[in-house]
């Protein structure tokens, strides 16, 4: 019984080291402050918005703040962080100006995220709004072709969508397309 308990504890301890737990944190006080907030709550990763979740401009980037953040992440063995795109991005919108905004802002976000290499950037593929799924998927694929060269070492993640019938990414098969 004691041997099994010791084996379980050793296995569980290894699992806990591999497990990455965190939550959404604000970067309003800077990236270093968010990393320290994560340390303070016992997290070893966190998610954040590079800009307001409803859109908007990026704050000026402080290389000193980013360096301090990278130092904290490294010294506490953090896993990859997850930057989330604003909800207003619509890469497959019927209106070209909305697609252009999403493309330009996502490129800006990815270039910003290059200051924290090796992390994730999560986005919703958007809504085709009466164009049909096939057209929405085509526009999203074109969009990805334009933005992915700016990803650096970041991985771009497509988050599935649920709800309205005009959203792209309602199924894994649709995401794969």
C-alpha atoms as a PDB file:
ATOM      1  CA  UNK A   1       0.000   0.000   0.000  1.00  0.00           C
ATOM      2  CA  UNK A   2       2.818   2.432   0.898  1.00  0.00           C
ATOM      3  CA  UNK A   3       4.655   1.615  -2.351  1.00  0.00           C
ATOM      4  CA  UNK A   4       1.515   2.338  -4.424  1.00  0.00           C
ATOM      5  CA  UNK A   5       0.984   5.628  -2.578  1.00  0.00           C
ATOM      6  CA  UNK A   6       4.578   6.672  -3.225  1.00  0.00           C
ATOM      7  CA  UNK A   7       4.261   5.758  -6.925  1.00  0.00           C
ATOM      8  CA  UNK A   8       0.992   7.684  -7.185  1.00  0.00           C
ATOM      9  CA  UNK A   9       2.473  10.761  -5.516  1.00  0.00           C
ATOM     10  CA  UNK A  10       5.535  10.695  -7.788  1.00  0.00           C
ATOM     11  CA  UNK A  11       3.335  10.372 -10.890  1.00  0.00           C
ATOM     12  CA  UNK A  12       0.943  13.061  -9.684  1.00  0.00           C
ATOM     13  CA  UNK A  13       3.837  15.428  -8.896  1.00  0.00           C
ATOM     14  CA  UNK A  14       5.201  14.934 -12.426  1.00  0.00           C
ATOM     15  CA  UNK A  15       1.742  15.642 -13.829  1.00  0.00           C
ATOM     16  CA  UNK A  16       1.440  18.858 -11.810  1.00  0.00           C
ATOM     17  CA  UNK A  17       4.789  20.083 -13.144  1.00  0.00           C
ATOM     18  CA  UNK A  18       3.511  19.518 -16.702  1.00  0.00           C
ATOM     19  CA  UNK A  19       0.082  21.052 -16.041  1.00  0.00           C
ATOM     20  CA  UNK A  20      -0.291  24.679 -17.056  1.00  0.00           C
ATOM     21  CA  UNK A  21      -2.992  26.601 -15.210  1.00  0.00           C
ATOM     22  CA  UNK A  22      -3.958  30.233 -15.478  1.00  0.00           C
ATOM     23  CA  UNK A  23      -6.750  32.675 -16.212  1.00  0.00           C
ATOM     24  CA  UNK A  24      -7.433  35.860 -18.166  1.00  0.00           C
ATOM     25  CA  UNK A  25      -5.448  38.751 -16.696  1.00  0.00           C
ATOM     26  CA  UNK A  26      -5.418  42.445 -17.493  1.00  0.00           C
ATOM     27  CA  UNK A  27      -2.345  44.037 -19.035  1.00  0.00           C
ATOM     28  CA  UNK A  28      -3.598  47.533 -18.205  1.00  0.00           C
ATOM     29  CA  UNK A  29      -0.688  47.966 -15.748  1.00  0.00           C
ATOM     30  CA  UNK A  30       1.780  46.350 -18.130  1.00  0.00           C
ATOM     31  CA  UNK A  31       2.928  42.887 -19.127  1.00  0.00           C
ATOM     32  CA  UNK A  32       5.337  42.555 -16.195  1.00  0.00           C
ATOM     33  CA  UNK A  33       2.538  43.350 -13.741  1.00  0.00           C
ATOM     34  CA  UNK A  34       0.295  40.719 -15.369  1.00  0.00           C
ATOM     35  CA  UNK A  35       3.075  38.121 -15.130  1.00  0.00           C
ATOM     36  CA  UNK A  36       3.588  38.983 -11.463  1.00  0.00           C
ATOM     37  CA  UNK A  37      -0.185  38.754 -10.861  1.00  0.00           C
ATOM     38  CA  UNK A  38      -0.060  35.244 -12.350  1.00  0.00           C
ATOM     39  CA  UNK A  39       2.835  34.294 -10.043  1.00  0.00           C
ATOM     40  CA  UNK A  40       0.941  35.715  -7.059  1.00  0.00           C
ATOM     41  CA  UNK A  41      -2.098  33.487  -7.714  1.00  0.00           C
ATOM     42  CA  UNK A  42       0.007  30.389  -8.397  1.00  0.00           C
ATOM     43  CA  UNK A  43      -0.564  30.324 -12.156  1.00  0.00           C
ATOM     44  CA  UNK A  44       2.065  29.228 -14.656  1.00  0.00           C
ATOM     45  CA  UNK A  45       0.380  30.689 -17.719  1.00  0.00           C
ATOM     46  CA  UNK A  46      -2.269  33.306 -18.443  1.00  0.00           C
ATOM     47  CA  UNK A  47      -4.467  34.664 -21.190  1.00  0.00           C
ATOM     48  CA  UNK A  48      -4.787  38.331 -22.058  1.00  0.00           C
ATOM     49  CA  UNK A  49      -6.070  40.750 -24.669  1.00  0.00           C
ATOM     50  CA  UNK A  50      -3.415  42.799 -26.453  1.00  0.00           C
ATOM     51  CA  UNK A  51      -6.049  45.507 -26.900  1.00  0.00           C
ATOM     52  CA  UNK A  52      -9.589  46.096 -25.669  1.00  0.00           C
ATOM     53  CA  UNK A  53     -11.729  42.989 -26.386  1.00  0.00           C
ATOM     54  CA  UNK A  54     -14.097  45.245 -28.344  1.00  0.00           C
ATOM     55  CA  UNK A  55     -11.270  46.643 -30.500  1.00  0.00           C
ATOM     56  CA  UNK A  56      -9.207  49.767 -30.350  1.00  0.00           C
ATOM     57  CA  UNK A  57      -5.598  50.844 -30.569  1.00  0.00           C
ATOM     58  CA  UNK A  58      -2.608  49.266 -28.873  1.00  0.00           C
ATOM     59  CA  UNK A  59      -0.851  51.086 -26.055  1.00  0.00           C
ATOM     60  CA  UNK A  60       2.754  52.088 -26.669  1.00  0.00           C
ATOM     61  CA  UNK A  61       5.105  49.166 -26.110  1.00  0.00           C
ATOM     62  CA  UNK A  62       7.731  49.437 -23.385  1.00  0.00           C
ATOM     63  CA  UNK A  63      10.728  47.202 -24.072  1.00  0.00           C
ATOM     64  CA  UNK A  64      11.677  47.494 -20.396  1.00  0.00           C
ATOM     65  CA  UNK A  65       8.233  46.175 -19.385  1.00  0.00           C
ATOM     66  CA  UNK A  66       8.496  43.312 -21.895  1.00  0.00           C
ATOM     67  CA  UNK A  67      12.006  42.415 -20.695  1.00  0.00           C
ATOM     68  CA  UNK A  68      10.809  42.282 -17.075  1.00  0.00           C
ATOM     69  CA  UNK A  69       7.845  40.147 -18.157  1.00  0.00           C
ATOM     70  CA  UNK A  70      10.119  37.715 -20.035  1.00  0.00           C
ATOM     71  CA  UNK A  71      12.372  37.521 -16.958  1.00  0.00           C
ATOM     72  CA  UNK A  72       9.424  36.669 -14.677  1.00  0.00           C
ATOM     73  CA  UNK A  73       8.055  34.078 -17.119  1.00  0.00           C
ATOM     74  CA  UNK A  74      11.446  32.365 -17.417  1.00  0.00           C
ATOM     75  CA  UNK A  75      12.241  32.381 -13.699  1.00  0.00           C
ATOM     76  CA  UNK A  76       8.870  30.781 -12.859  1.00  0.00           C
ATOM     77  CA  UNK A  77       8.828  28.142 -15.657  1.00  0.00           C
ATOM     78  CA  UNK A  78       5.732  29.501 -17.349  1.00  0.00           C
ATOM     79  CA  UNK A  79       4.104  27.656 -20.204  1.00  0.00           C
ATOM     80  CA  UNK A  80       2.957  29.450 -23.344  1.00  0.00           C
ATOM     81  CA  UNK A  81       0.735  32.485 -22.858  1.00  0.00           C
ATOM     82  CA  UNK A  82      -2.474  32.968 -24.833  1.00  0.00           C
ATOM     83  CA  UNK A  83      -3.086  36.371 -26.390  1.00  0.00           C
ATOM     84  CA  UNK A  84      -6.692  36.748 -27.529  1.00  0.00           C
ATOM     85  CA  UNK A  85      -7.772  38.805 -30.522  1.00  0.00           C
ATOM     86  CA  UNK A  86     -10.599  41.293 -30.014  1.00  0.00           C
ATOM     87  CA  UNK A  87     -14.078  39.924 -30.570  1.00  0.00           C
ATOM     88  CA  UNK A  88     -14.760  42.522 -33.279  1.00  0.00           C
ATOM     89  CA  UNK A  89     -12.319  40.994 -35.752  1.00  0.00           C
ATOM     90  CA  UNK A  90     -14.265  39.524 -38.671  1.00  0.00           C
ATOM     91  CA  UNK A  91     -11.851  38.075 -41.243  1.00  0.00           C
ATOM     92  CA  UNK A  92     -14.718  36.855 -43.443  1.00  0.00           C
ATOM     93  CA  UNK A  93     -16.955  39.932 -43.256  1.00  0.00           C
ATOM     94  CA  UNK A  94     -18.973  40.892 -46.307  1.00  0.00           C
ATOM     95  CA  UNK A  95     -17.611  44.452 -46.050  1.00  0.00           C
ATOM     96  CA  UNK A  96     -13.999  44.799 -47.280  1.00  0.00           C
ATOM     97  CA  UNK A  97     -13.205  47.575 -44.762  1.00  0.00           C
ATOM     98  CA  UNK A  98     -14.028  45.233 -41.850  1.00  0.00           C
ATOM     99  CA  UNK A  99     -11.723  42.558 -43.288  1.00  0.00           C
ATOM    100  CA  UNK A 100      -8.987  45.169 -43.773  1.00  0.00           C
ATOM    101  CA  UNK A 101      -9.344  46.350 -40.168  1.00  0.00           C
ATOM    102  CA  UNK A 102      -9.118  42.752 -38.892  1.00  0.00           C
ATOM    103  CA  UNK A 103      -6.057  42.046 -41.055  1.00  0.00           C
ATOM    104  CA  UNK A 104      -4.175  45.224 -40.147  1.00  0.00           C
ATOM    105  CA  UNK A 105      -4.949  44.946 -36.430  1.00  0.00           C
ATOM    106  CA  UNK A 106      -4.054  41.246 -36.286  1.00  0.00           C
ATOM    107  CA  UNK A 107      -0.728  41.896 -38.031  1.00  0.00           C
ATOM    108  CA  UNK A 108      -0.069  44.637 -35.481  1.00  0.00           C
ATOM    109  CA  UNK A 109      -0.994  42.228 -32.655  1.00  0.00           C
ATOM    110  CA  UNK A 110       1.256  39.455 -33.999  1.00  0.00           C
ATOM    111  CA  UNK A 111       4.177  41.842 -34.378  1.00  0.00           C
ATOM    112  CA  UNK A 112       3.611  42.976 -30.771  1.00  0.00           C
ATOM    113  CA  UNK A 113       3.462  39.356 -29.610  1.00  0.00           C
ATOM    114  CA  UNK A 114       6.904  38.777 -31.155  1.00  0.00           C
ATOM    115  CA  UNK A 115       8.203  40.617 -28.063  1.00  0.00           C
ATOM    116  CA  UNK A 116       7.047  37.567 -26.079  1.00  0.00           C
ATOM    117  CA  UNK A 117       8.229  34.749 -28.355  1.00  0.00           C
ATOM    118  CA  UNK A 118       6.807  31.241 -28.376  1.00  0.00           C
ATOM    119  CA  UNK A 119       3.256  31.993 -27.305  1.00  0.00           C
ATOM    120  CA  UNK A 120      -0.233  31.609 -28.770  1.00  0.00           C
ATOM    121  CA  UNK A 121      -2.572  34.049 -30.508  1.00  0.00           C
ATOM    122  CA  UNK A 122      -6.229  33.024 -30.453  1.00  0.00           C
ATOM    123  CA  UNK A 123      -8.914  34.437 -32.757  1.00  0.00           C
ATOM    124  CA  UNK A 124     -12.472  33.782 -33.867  1.00  0.00           C
ATOM    125  CA  UNK A 125     -12.837  33.300 -37.646  1.00  0.00           C
ATOM    126  CA  UNK A 126     -15.921  35.515 -37.770  1.00  0.00           C
ATOM    127  CA  UNK A 127     -19.271  35.550 -39.506  1.00  0.00           C
ATOM    128  CA  UNK A 128     -19.897  35.221 -43.237  1.00  0.00           C
ATOM    129  CA  UNK A 129     -23.102  37.331 -42.970  1.00  0.00           C
ATOM    130  CA  UNK A 130     -25.216  35.976 -45.848  1.00  0.00           C
ATOM    131  CA  UNK A 131     -22.251  35.111 -48.089  1.00  0.00           C
ATOM    132  CA  UNK A 132     -22.440  31.413 -47.229  1.00  0.00           C
ATOM    133  CA  UNK A 133     -19.992  29.199 -45.359  1.00  0.00           C
ATOM    134  CA  UNK A 134     -17.905  28.363 -48.417  1.00  0.00           C
ATOM    135  CA  UNK A 135     -17.241  32.054 -49.123  1.00  0.00           C
ATOM    136  CA  UNK A 136     -16.565  32.729 -45.422  1.00  0.00           C
ATOM    137  CA  UNK A 137     -14.051  29.895 -45.270  1.00  0.00           C
ATOM    138  CA  UNK A 138     -12.390  31.132 -48.474  1.00  0.00           C
ATOM    139  CA  UNK A 139     -12.060  34.670 -47.069  1.00  0.00           C
ATOM    140  CA  UNK A 140     -10.714  33.366 -43.753  1.00  0.00           C
ATOM    141  CA  UNK A 141      -8.117  31.250 -45.571  1.00  0.00           C
ATOM    142  CA  UNK A 142      -7.015  34.291 -47.609  1.00  0.00           C
ATOM    143  CA  UNK A 143      -6.858  36.308 -44.393  1.00  0.00           C
ATOM    144  CA  UNK A 144      -4.624  33.706 -42.736  1.00  0.00           C
ATOM    145  CA  UNK A 145      -2.341  33.743 -45.780  1.00  0.00           C
ATOM    146  CA  UNK A 146      -1.868  37.480 -45.260  1.00  0.00           C
ATOM    147  CA  UNK A 147      -1.336  37.481 -41.486  1.00  0.00           C
ATOM    148  CA  UNK A 148       0.596  34.277 -40.774  1.00  0.00           C
ATOM    149  CA  UNK A 149       3.913  35.584 -42.184  1.00  0.00           C
ATOM    150  CA  UNK A 150       3.854  38.088 -39.285  1.00  0.00           C
ATOM    151  CA  UNK A 151       3.410  35.422 -36.577  1.00  0.00           C
ATOM    152  CA  UNK A 152       7.109  34.911 -35.891  1.00  0.00           C
ATOM    153  CA  UNK A 153       7.412  32.150 -33.290  1.00  0.00           C
ATOM    154  CA  UNK A 154       3.798  32.533 -32.161  1.00  0.00           C
ATOM    155  CA  UNK A 155       1.210  29.902 -32.979  1.00  0.00           C
ATOM    156  CA  UNK A 156      -2.081  31.205 -34.318  1.00  0.00           C
ATOM    157  CA  UNK A 157      -5.102  29.379 -32.915  1.00  0.00           C
ATOM    158  CA  UNK A 158      -8.580  29.342 -34.422  1.00  0.00           C
ATOM    159  CA  UNK A 159     -11.244  29.241 -31.724  1.00  0.00           C
ATOM    160  CA  UNK A 160     -14.435  27.419 -32.570  1.00  0.00           C
ATOM    161  CA  UNK A 161     -17.648  29.418 -32.708  1.00  0.00           C
ATOM    162  CA  UNK A 162     -21.121  28.594 -31.499  1.00  0.00           C
ATOM    163  CA  UNK A 163     -24.412  30.369 -31.706  1.00  0.00           C
ATOM    164  CA  UNK A 164     -25.482  32.153 -34.862  1.00  0.00           C
ATOM    165  CA  UNK A 165     -25.726  30.146 -38.062  1.00  0.00           C
ATOM    166  CA  UNK A 166     -23.511  32.534 -40.031  1.00  0.00           C
ATOM    167  CA  UNK A 167     -20.361  31.971 -37.960  1.00  0.00           C
ATOM    168  CA  UNK A 168     -17.365  30.144 -39.397  1.00  0.00           C
ATOM    169  CA  UNK A 169     -15.864  27.480 -37.159  1.00  0.00           C
ATOM    170  CA  UNK A 170     -19.048  25.914 -35.798  1.00  0.00           C
ATOM    171  CA  UNK A 171     -17.481  22.458 -36.249  1.00  0.00           C
ATOM    172  CA  UNK A 172     -13.934  21.118 -36.280  1.00  0.00           C
ATOM    173  CA  UNK A 173     -14.478  20.115 -39.917  1.00  0.00           C
ATOM    174  CA  UNK A 174     -15.255  23.733 -40.785  1.00  0.00           C
ATOM    175  CA  UNK A 175     -12.148  24.913 -38.932  1.00  0.00           C
ATOM    176  CA  UNK A 176     -10.084  22.346 -40.841  1.00  0.00           C
ATOM    177  CA  UNK A 177     -11.374  23.708 -44.154  1.00  0.00           C
END
